[in-house]
N, C-alpha and C. Protein backbone atom coordinates (compact mmCIF):
# COMPACT_ATOMS: atom_id res chain seq x y z
N MET A 1 -23.80 -22.99 9.98
CA MET A 1 -24.16 -21.76 9.29
C MET A 1 -24.70 -20.76 10.31
N SER A 2 -24.32 -19.53 10.16
CA SER A 2 -24.74 -18.50 11.09
C SER A 2 -26.15 -18.03 10.78
N ASN A 3 -26.75 -17.43 11.79
CA ASN A 3 -28.07 -16.83 11.63
C ASN A 3 -27.88 -15.46 10.99
N PRO A 4 -28.43 -15.22 9.80
CA PRO A 4 -28.20 -13.95 9.12
C PRO A 4 -28.72 -12.74 9.88
N GLY A 5 -29.65 -12.94 10.81
CA GLY A 5 -30.19 -11.83 11.57
C GLY A 5 -29.34 -11.44 12.75
N GLN A 6 -28.34 -12.24 13.08
CA GLN A 6 -27.49 -11.94 14.24
C GLN A 6 -26.32 -11.07 13.84
N ALA A 7 -26.03 -10.09 14.66
CA ALA A 7 -24.87 -9.24 14.43
C ALA A 7 -23.62 -9.92 14.98
N LEU A 8 -22.51 -9.60 14.40
CA LEU A 8 -21.23 -10.11 14.87
C LEU A 8 -20.87 -9.42 16.18
N HIS A 9 -20.49 -10.20 17.17
CA HIS A 9 -20.05 -9.65 18.46
C HIS A 9 -18.52 -9.58 18.46
N ILE A 10 -17.99 -8.39 18.71
CA ILE A 10 -16.53 -8.22 18.78
C ILE A 10 -16.11 -8.47 20.22
N ASP A 11 -15.26 -9.47 20.41
CA ASP A 11 -14.78 -9.83 21.74
C ASP A 11 -13.60 -8.98 22.18
N ILE A 12 -12.79 -8.55 21.23
CA ILE A 12 -11.60 -7.78 21.56
C ILE A 12 -11.61 -6.50 20.73
N PRO A 13 -12.31 -5.48 21.18
CA PRO A 13 -12.34 -4.23 20.42
C PRO A 13 -10.97 -3.54 20.49
N VAL A 14 -10.53 -3.04 19.36
CA VAL A 14 -9.24 -2.35 19.28
C VAL A 14 -9.50 -0.90 18.94
N VAL A 15 -8.95 -0.03 19.75
CA VAL A 15 -8.98 1.40 19.48
C VAL A 15 -7.60 1.92 19.81
N MET A 16 -7.00 2.62 18.87
CA MET A 16 -5.67 3.17 19.08
C MET A 16 -5.72 4.68 18.88
N THR A 17 -4.83 5.38 19.55
CA THR A 17 -4.78 6.84 19.41
C THR A 17 -3.57 7.31 18.62
N ASP A 18 -2.59 6.42 18.46
CA ASP A 18 -1.34 6.81 17.83
C ASP A 18 -0.72 5.57 17.19
N LEU A 19 -0.48 5.60 15.89
CA LEU A 19 0.17 4.45 15.26
C LEU A 19 0.99 4.86 14.05
N ASN A 20 2.12 4.18 13.93
CA ASN A 20 3.03 4.35 12.80
C ASN A 20 3.25 2.97 12.19
N ILE A 21 2.89 2.83 10.93
CA ILE A 21 2.92 1.53 10.26
C ILE A 21 3.63 1.67 8.92
N VAL A 22 4.46 0.68 8.60
CA VAL A 22 5.02 0.58 7.25
C VAL A 22 4.59 -0.76 6.68
N PHE A 23 3.95 -0.69 5.52
CA PHE A 23 3.55 -1.89 4.79
C PHE A 23 4.64 -2.22 3.78
N SER A 24 5.19 -3.41 3.87
CA SER A 24 6.15 -3.91 2.89
C SER A 24 5.36 -4.75 1.89
N ILE A 25 5.24 -4.25 0.66
CA ILE A 25 4.39 -4.91 -0.33
C ILE A 25 5.26 -5.36 -1.50
N GLY A 26 5.60 -6.65 -1.48
CA GLY A 26 6.49 -7.20 -2.48
C GLY A 26 5.79 -8.07 -3.52
N ALA A 27 4.53 -8.38 -3.28
CA ALA A 27 3.75 -9.20 -4.21
C ALA A 27 2.27 -8.91 -3.96
N LEU A 28 1.46 -9.25 -4.92
CA LEU A 28 0.02 -8.99 -4.78
C LEU A 28 -0.74 -10.30 -4.61
N ALA A 29 -1.10 -10.59 -3.37
CA ALA A 29 -2.06 -11.66 -3.09
C ALA A 29 -3.43 -11.01 -3.20
N PHE A 30 -4.41 -11.76 -3.67
CA PHE A 30 -5.72 -11.16 -3.95
C PHE A 30 -6.80 -11.63 -3.01
N GLU A 31 -7.71 -10.70 -2.69
CA GLU A 31 -8.97 -10.98 -2.01
C GLU A 31 -10.02 -10.74 -3.09
N GLY A 32 -10.48 -11.81 -3.72
CA GLY A 32 -11.33 -11.65 -4.90
C GLY A 32 -10.48 -11.04 -6.00
N ASP A 33 -10.91 -9.92 -6.56
CA ASP A 33 -10.16 -9.24 -7.61
C ASP A 33 -9.33 -8.07 -7.10
N LEU A 34 -9.35 -7.84 -5.81
CA LEU A 34 -8.64 -6.71 -5.21
C LEU A 34 -7.37 -7.20 -4.52
N PRO A 35 -6.22 -6.57 -4.80
CA PRO A 35 -5.01 -6.97 -4.09
C PRO A 35 -5.19 -6.76 -2.58
N ALA A 36 -4.91 -7.80 -1.81
CA ALA A 36 -5.08 -7.76 -0.36
C ALA A 36 -4.36 -6.58 0.29
N PRO A 37 -3.12 -6.25 -0.11
CA PRO A 37 -2.46 -5.11 0.55
C PRO A 37 -3.24 -3.80 0.39
N LEU A 38 -3.84 -3.58 -0.77
CA LEU A 38 -4.61 -2.35 -0.98
C LEU A 38 -5.88 -2.38 -0.14
N PHE A 39 -6.51 -3.55 -0.04
CA PHE A 39 -7.69 -3.71 0.82
C PHE A 39 -7.32 -3.44 2.27
N HIS A 40 -6.19 -3.99 2.72
CA HIS A 40 -5.78 -3.82 4.12
C HIS A 40 -5.39 -2.38 4.42
N LEU A 41 -4.77 -1.70 3.46
CA LEU A 41 -4.46 -0.29 3.66
C LEU A 41 -5.74 0.53 3.82
N LYS A 42 -6.75 0.24 3.00
CA LYS A 42 -8.02 0.95 3.15
C LYS A 42 -8.65 0.64 4.50
N LEU A 43 -8.60 -0.61 4.92
CA LEU A 43 -9.18 -1.02 6.20
C LEU A 43 -8.53 -0.26 7.36
N ILE A 44 -7.20 -0.19 7.39
CA ILE A 44 -6.53 0.48 8.51
C ILE A 44 -6.75 1.99 8.44
N THR A 45 -6.84 2.56 7.25
CA THR A 45 -7.11 4.01 7.18
C THR A 45 -8.54 4.31 7.60
N ASP A 46 -9.48 3.40 7.32
CA ASP A 46 -10.84 3.56 7.85
C ASP A 46 -10.83 3.53 9.37
N ASP A 47 -10.08 2.59 9.94
CA ASP A 47 -9.96 2.50 11.41
C ASP A 47 -9.38 3.78 11.99
N ILE A 48 -8.35 4.30 11.37
CA ILE A 48 -7.69 5.52 11.85
C ILE A 48 -8.68 6.67 11.90
N VAL A 49 -9.50 6.81 10.87
CA VAL A 49 -10.51 7.86 10.86
C VAL A 49 -11.52 7.63 11.98
N GLU A 50 -11.99 6.40 12.12
CA GLU A 50 -12.97 6.09 13.17
C GLU A 50 -12.40 6.36 14.56
N TRP A 51 -11.15 6.05 14.78
CA TRP A 51 -10.51 6.25 16.09
C TRP A 51 -10.09 7.70 16.31
N ASN A 52 -10.08 8.50 15.23
CA ASN A 52 -9.55 9.85 15.29
C ASN A 52 -8.10 9.82 15.80
N ALA A 53 -7.34 8.87 15.25
CA ALA A 53 -5.98 8.62 15.71
C ALA A 53 -4.97 9.46 14.93
N ARG A 54 -3.86 9.71 15.58
CA ARG A 54 -2.71 10.30 14.90
C ARG A 54 -1.96 9.14 14.27
N SER A 55 -1.59 9.28 13.01
CA SER A 55 -0.96 8.15 12.34
C SER A 55 0.02 8.59 11.27
N GLU A 56 0.92 7.68 10.98
CA GLU A 56 1.80 7.77 9.81
C GLU A 56 1.74 6.38 9.19
N VAL A 57 1.26 6.30 7.97
CA VAL A 57 1.17 5.03 7.26
C VAL A 57 1.98 5.16 5.98
N VAL A 58 2.94 4.25 5.81
CA VAL A 58 3.79 4.25 4.63
C VAL A 58 3.61 2.92 3.91
N ALA A 59 3.37 2.96 2.62
CA ALA A 59 3.28 1.75 1.79
C ALA A 59 4.47 1.73 0.86
N VAL A 60 5.32 0.69 1.00
CA VAL A 60 6.51 0.55 0.16
C VAL A 60 6.27 -0.59 -0.82
N PHE A 61 6.10 -0.25 -2.09
CA PHE A 61 5.92 -1.25 -3.15
C PHE A 61 7.28 -1.62 -3.71
N HIS A 62 7.51 -2.91 -3.85
CA HIS A 62 8.81 -3.38 -4.35
C HIS A 62 8.65 -4.74 -5.01
N THR A 63 9.72 -5.23 -5.57
CA THR A 63 9.82 -6.56 -6.17
C THR A 63 8.67 -6.77 -7.16
N ASN A 64 7.83 -7.77 -6.94
CA ASN A 64 6.77 -8.11 -7.89
C ASN A 64 5.51 -7.27 -7.74
N ALA A 65 5.54 -6.23 -6.91
CA ALA A 65 4.38 -5.34 -6.78
C ALA A 65 4.71 -3.91 -7.19
N GLY A 66 5.91 -3.66 -7.65
CA GLY A 66 6.31 -2.31 -8.01
C GLY A 66 5.46 -1.68 -9.09
N HIS A 67 4.93 -2.49 -9.99
CA HIS A 67 4.12 -1.97 -11.11
C HIS A 67 2.88 -1.22 -10.66
N VAL A 68 2.45 -1.40 -9.42
CA VAL A 68 1.28 -0.68 -8.90
C VAL A 68 1.52 0.83 -8.94
N ALA A 69 2.77 1.25 -8.89
CA ALA A 69 3.12 2.67 -8.83
C ALA A 69 3.20 3.34 -10.21
N LEU A 70 2.97 2.60 -11.27
CA LEU A 70 3.16 3.12 -12.63
C LEU A 70 1.91 3.78 -13.20
N HIS A 71 2.12 4.84 -14.01
CA HIS A 71 0.99 5.43 -14.74
C HIS A 71 0.61 4.50 -15.89
N ASP A 72 -0.51 4.77 -16.52
CA ASP A 72 -1.09 3.85 -17.50
C ASP A 72 -0.12 3.40 -18.60
N ASP A 73 0.55 4.35 -19.26
CA ASP A 73 1.43 3.97 -20.38
C ASP A 73 2.59 3.10 -19.91
N ALA A 74 3.21 3.48 -18.80
CA ALA A 74 4.32 2.69 -18.27
C ALA A 74 3.84 1.32 -17.80
N TYR A 75 2.66 1.29 -17.20
CA TYR A 75 2.07 0.02 -16.75
C TYR A 75 1.86 -0.91 -17.94
N ASP A 76 1.27 -0.36 -19.00
CA ASP A 76 1.02 -1.17 -20.20
C ASP A 76 2.32 -1.70 -20.79
N ARG A 77 3.34 -0.85 -20.89
CA ARG A 77 4.63 -1.30 -21.41
C ARG A 77 5.22 -2.41 -20.54
N ASP A 78 5.18 -2.20 -19.24
CA ASP A 78 5.80 -3.16 -18.32
C ASP A 78 5.04 -4.48 -18.27
N ARG A 79 3.72 -4.41 -18.30
CA ARG A 79 2.89 -5.60 -18.14
C ARG A 79 2.52 -6.23 -19.47
N ASN A 80 2.90 -5.59 -20.57
CA ASN A 80 2.63 -6.10 -21.91
C ASN A 80 1.13 -6.22 -22.19
N ILE A 81 0.39 -5.19 -21.80
CA ILE A 81 -1.06 -5.16 -22.00
C ILE A 81 -1.47 -3.76 -22.47
N ALA A 82 -2.74 -3.54 -22.65
CA ALA A 82 -3.22 -2.23 -23.10
C ALA A 82 -4.44 -1.79 -22.30
N THR A 83 -4.46 -2.10 -21.01
CA THR A 83 -5.62 -1.76 -20.17
C THR A 83 -5.38 -0.59 -19.25
N GLY A 84 -4.13 -0.19 -19.07
CA GLY A 84 -3.81 0.83 -18.09
C GLY A 84 -3.70 0.23 -16.70
N ASN A 85 -3.27 1.02 -15.76
CA ASN A 85 -3.07 0.56 -14.39
C ASN A 85 -4.43 0.45 -13.68
N PRO A 86 -4.87 -0.76 -13.37
CA PRO A 86 -6.18 -0.92 -12.73
C PRO A 86 -6.19 -0.47 -11.27
N TYR A 87 -5.02 -0.19 -10.71
CA TYR A 87 -4.92 0.16 -9.30
C TYR A 87 -4.74 1.66 -9.05
N LYS A 88 -4.66 2.45 -10.13
CA LYS A 88 -4.32 3.86 -9.98
C LYS A 88 -5.33 4.63 -9.13
N SER A 89 -6.63 4.36 -9.27
CA SER A 89 -7.61 5.10 -8.47
C SER A 89 -7.54 4.69 -7.00
N ILE A 90 -7.23 3.43 -6.73
CA ILE A 90 -7.08 2.98 -5.34
C ILE A 90 -5.86 3.63 -4.71
N VAL A 91 -4.76 3.69 -5.46
CA VAL A 91 -3.55 4.34 -4.95
C VAL A 91 -3.83 5.82 -4.69
N ALA A 92 -4.51 6.50 -5.62
CA ALA A 92 -4.84 7.91 -5.43
C ALA A 92 -5.70 8.11 -4.19
N ASP A 93 -6.66 7.21 -3.96
CA ASP A 93 -7.50 7.30 -2.78
C ASP A 93 -6.68 7.12 -1.51
N LEU A 94 -5.74 6.19 -1.52
CA LEU A 94 -4.88 5.99 -0.34
C LEU A 94 -4.07 7.24 -0.04
N VAL A 95 -3.58 7.88 -1.09
CA VAL A 95 -2.81 9.12 -0.91
C VAL A 95 -3.69 10.19 -0.27
N THR A 96 -4.95 10.31 -0.73
CA THR A 96 -5.85 11.31 -0.13
C THR A 96 -6.18 10.96 1.32
N ARG A 97 -6.07 9.70 1.67
CA ARG A 97 -6.30 9.26 3.05
C ARG A 97 -5.06 9.47 3.93
N GLY A 98 -3.97 9.95 3.33
CA GLY A 98 -2.78 10.26 4.11
C GLY A 98 -1.69 9.20 4.06
N VAL A 99 -1.86 8.18 3.24
CA VAL A 99 -0.83 7.15 3.11
C VAL A 99 0.30 7.69 2.24
N SER A 100 1.54 7.54 2.70
CA SER A 100 2.70 7.87 1.88
C SER A 100 3.03 6.64 1.05
N VAL A 101 2.96 6.78 -0.26
CA VAL A 101 3.21 5.65 -1.15
C VAL A 101 4.59 5.81 -1.76
N GLU A 102 5.40 4.75 -1.58
CA GLU A 102 6.78 4.77 -2.06
C GLU A 102 7.05 3.58 -2.97
N LEU A 103 7.98 3.78 -3.88
CA LEU A 103 8.47 2.72 -4.76
C LEU A 103 9.93 2.47 -4.45
N CYS A 104 10.30 1.23 -4.39
CA CYS A 104 11.68 0.82 -4.18
C CYS A 104 12.54 1.24 -5.38
N GLY A 105 13.59 2.00 -5.11
CA GLY A 105 14.48 2.44 -6.18
C GLY A 105 15.18 1.29 -6.88
N ALA A 106 15.53 0.24 -6.13
CA ALA A 106 16.18 -0.92 -6.74
C ALA A 106 15.23 -1.64 -7.71
N THR A 107 13.96 -1.72 -7.33
CA THR A 107 12.96 -2.33 -8.22
C THR A 107 12.82 -1.49 -9.48
N ALA A 108 12.74 -0.17 -9.31
CA ALA A 108 12.61 0.72 -10.46
C ALA A 108 13.81 0.57 -11.40
N LYS A 109 15.00 0.54 -10.84
CA LYS A 109 16.21 0.37 -11.67
C LYS A 109 16.20 -0.95 -12.41
N ALA A 110 15.81 -2.03 -11.73
CA ALA A 110 15.79 -3.36 -12.35
C ALA A 110 14.82 -3.42 -13.53
N HIS A 111 13.76 -2.62 -13.47
CA HIS A 111 12.77 -2.61 -14.55
C HIS A 111 12.99 -1.49 -15.57
N GLY A 112 13.95 -0.62 -15.31
CA GLY A 112 14.21 0.49 -16.22
C GLY A 112 13.20 1.61 -16.12
N TRP A 113 12.52 1.72 -14.97
CA TRP A 113 11.55 2.79 -14.76
C TRP A 113 12.25 4.05 -14.28
N ASN A 114 11.66 5.20 -14.62
CA ASN A 114 12.16 6.46 -14.07
C ASN A 114 10.99 7.22 -13.45
N ASN A 115 11.27 8.36 -12.87
CA ASN A 115 10.23 9.12 -12.15
C ASN A 115 9.06 9.51 -13.06
N ALA A 116 9.32 9.72 -14.33
CA ALA A 116 8.26 10.10 -15.27
C ALA A 116 7.27 8.95 -15.51
N ASP A 117 7.63 7.73 -15.13
CA ASP A 117 6.75 6.57 -15.31
C ASP A 117 5.76 6.40 -14.16
N LEU A 118 5.88 7.21 -13.13
CA LEU A 118 5.12 6.98 -11.90
C LEU A 118 3.83 7.78 -11.82
N LEU A 119 2.89 7.23 -11.04
CA LEU A 119 1.67 7.94 -10.71
C LEU A 119 2.01 9.19 -9.90
N PRO A 120 1.13 10.19 -9.86
CA PRO A 120 1.38 11.36 -9.03
C PRO A 120 1.55 10.97 -7.55
N ASP A 121 2.37 11.70 -6.85
CA ASP A 121 2.57 11.57 -5.40
C ASP A 121 3.35 10.32 -4.98
N ILE A 122 3.88 9.54 -5.93
CA ILE A 122 4.71 8.40 -5.58
C ILE A 122 6.13 8.89 -5.36
N GLN A 123 6.71 8.51 -4.23
CA GLN A 123 8.09 8.86 -3.94
C GLN A 123 8.96 7.63 -4.11
N VAL A 124 10.20 7.82 -4.53
CA VAL A 124 11.13 6.71 -4.73
C VAL A 124 12.15 6.72 -3.60
N ASN A 125 12.31 5.58 -2.95
CA ASN A 125 13.34 5.47 -1.91
C ASN A 125 14.56 4.75 -2.48
N THR A 126 15.65 4.75 -1.72
CA THR A 126 16.89 4.11 -2.17
C THR A 126 16.64 2.65 -2.53
N ASP A 127 16.10 1.90 -1.59
CA ASP A 127 15.64 0.54 -1.83
C ASP A 127 14.73 0.15 -0.67
N ALA A 128 13.84 -0.78 -0.92
CA ALA A 128 12.80 -1.13 0.05
C ALA A 128 13.38 -1.63 1.37
N MET A 129 14.38 -2.48 1.31
CA MET A 129 14.91 -3.07 2.55
C MET A 129 15.55 -2.00 3.44
N ALA A 130 16.28 -1.08 2.83
CA ALA A 130 16.88 0.01 3.61
C ALA A 130 15.80 0.91 4.20
N ARG A 131 14.80 1.26 3.40
CA ARG A 131 13.73 2.15 3.88
C ARG A 131 12.92 1.52 4.99
N ILE A 132 12.55 0.26 4.82
CA ILE A 132 11.76 -0.42 5.85
C ILE A 132 12.57 -0.55 7.13
N SER A 133 13.85 -0.88 6.99
CA SER A 133 14.73 -0.95 8.17
C SER A 133 14.80 0.39 8.88
N GLN A 134 14.92 1.46 8.11
CA GLN A 134 14.96 2.81 8.68
C GLN A 134 13.70 3.10 9.49
N LEU A 135 12.54 2.81 8.90
CA LEU A 135 11.28 3.11 9.58
C LEU A 135 11.08 2.23 10.81
N VAL A 136 11.45 0.97 10.74
CA VAL A 136 11.34 0.08 11.90
C VAL A 136 12.22 0.60 13.04
N GLN A 137 13.42 1.05 12.71
CA GLN A 137 14.31 1.60 13.74
C GLN A 137 13.75 2.89 14.33
N GLN A 138 12.89 3.57 13.57
CA GLN A 138 12.24 4.78 14.09
C GLN A 138 10.97 4.45 14.87
N GLY A 139 10.65 3.17 15.03
CA GLY A 139 9.50 2.77 15.83
C GLY A 139 8.26 2.38 15.06
N TYR A 140 8.32 2.36 13.73
CA TYR A 140 7.17 1.92 12.94
C TYR A 140 7.00 0.42 13.09
N ILE A 141 5.75 -0.02 13.06
CA ILE A 141 5.43 -1.44 13.03
C ILE A 141 5.42 -1.86 11.57
N GLN A 142 6.10 -2.97 11.26
CA GLN A 142 6.15 -3.46 9.89
C GLN A 142 5.07 -4.51 9.66
N ILE A 143 4.29 -4.29 8.61
CA ILE A 143 3.32 -5.28 8.14
C ILE A 143 3.80 -5.73 6.78
N THR A 144 4.00 -7.02 6.64
CA THR A 144 4.48 -7.57 5.36
C THR A 144 3.32 -8.19 4.62
N GLU A 145 3.12 -7.74 3.42
CA GLU A 145 2.02 -8.25 2.59
C GLU A 145 2.60 -8.98 1.39
């Protein structure tokens, strides 16, 4: 057990000035009650602010995580519940932090979703695999969640 009075020593400090990242989010693994990909997106955007870095961060939701992009009514219909989208405020915060949030068009088609079902500022790409491939070829680092 650690001594609660001791601070954590960072052995390998990371500071970056320029980064381009694409998060491929196909499922929601959880850290407590928070989806890990949303937690990790907040963590990296906090780092970017601290580093005063130039960045492009893209989050592509697809497959079993596409519902994160839905507004309350569409979320309730898709998930068969009546609570609304519990992730909408986190997604809105990520957008204000400069994250481009995208939904896979193939996932949307498979579920019968249209643009009117989406949260504000969500963009639809052709399909996640094509979009992620495009960004990787442009030099983005892919993080798969």
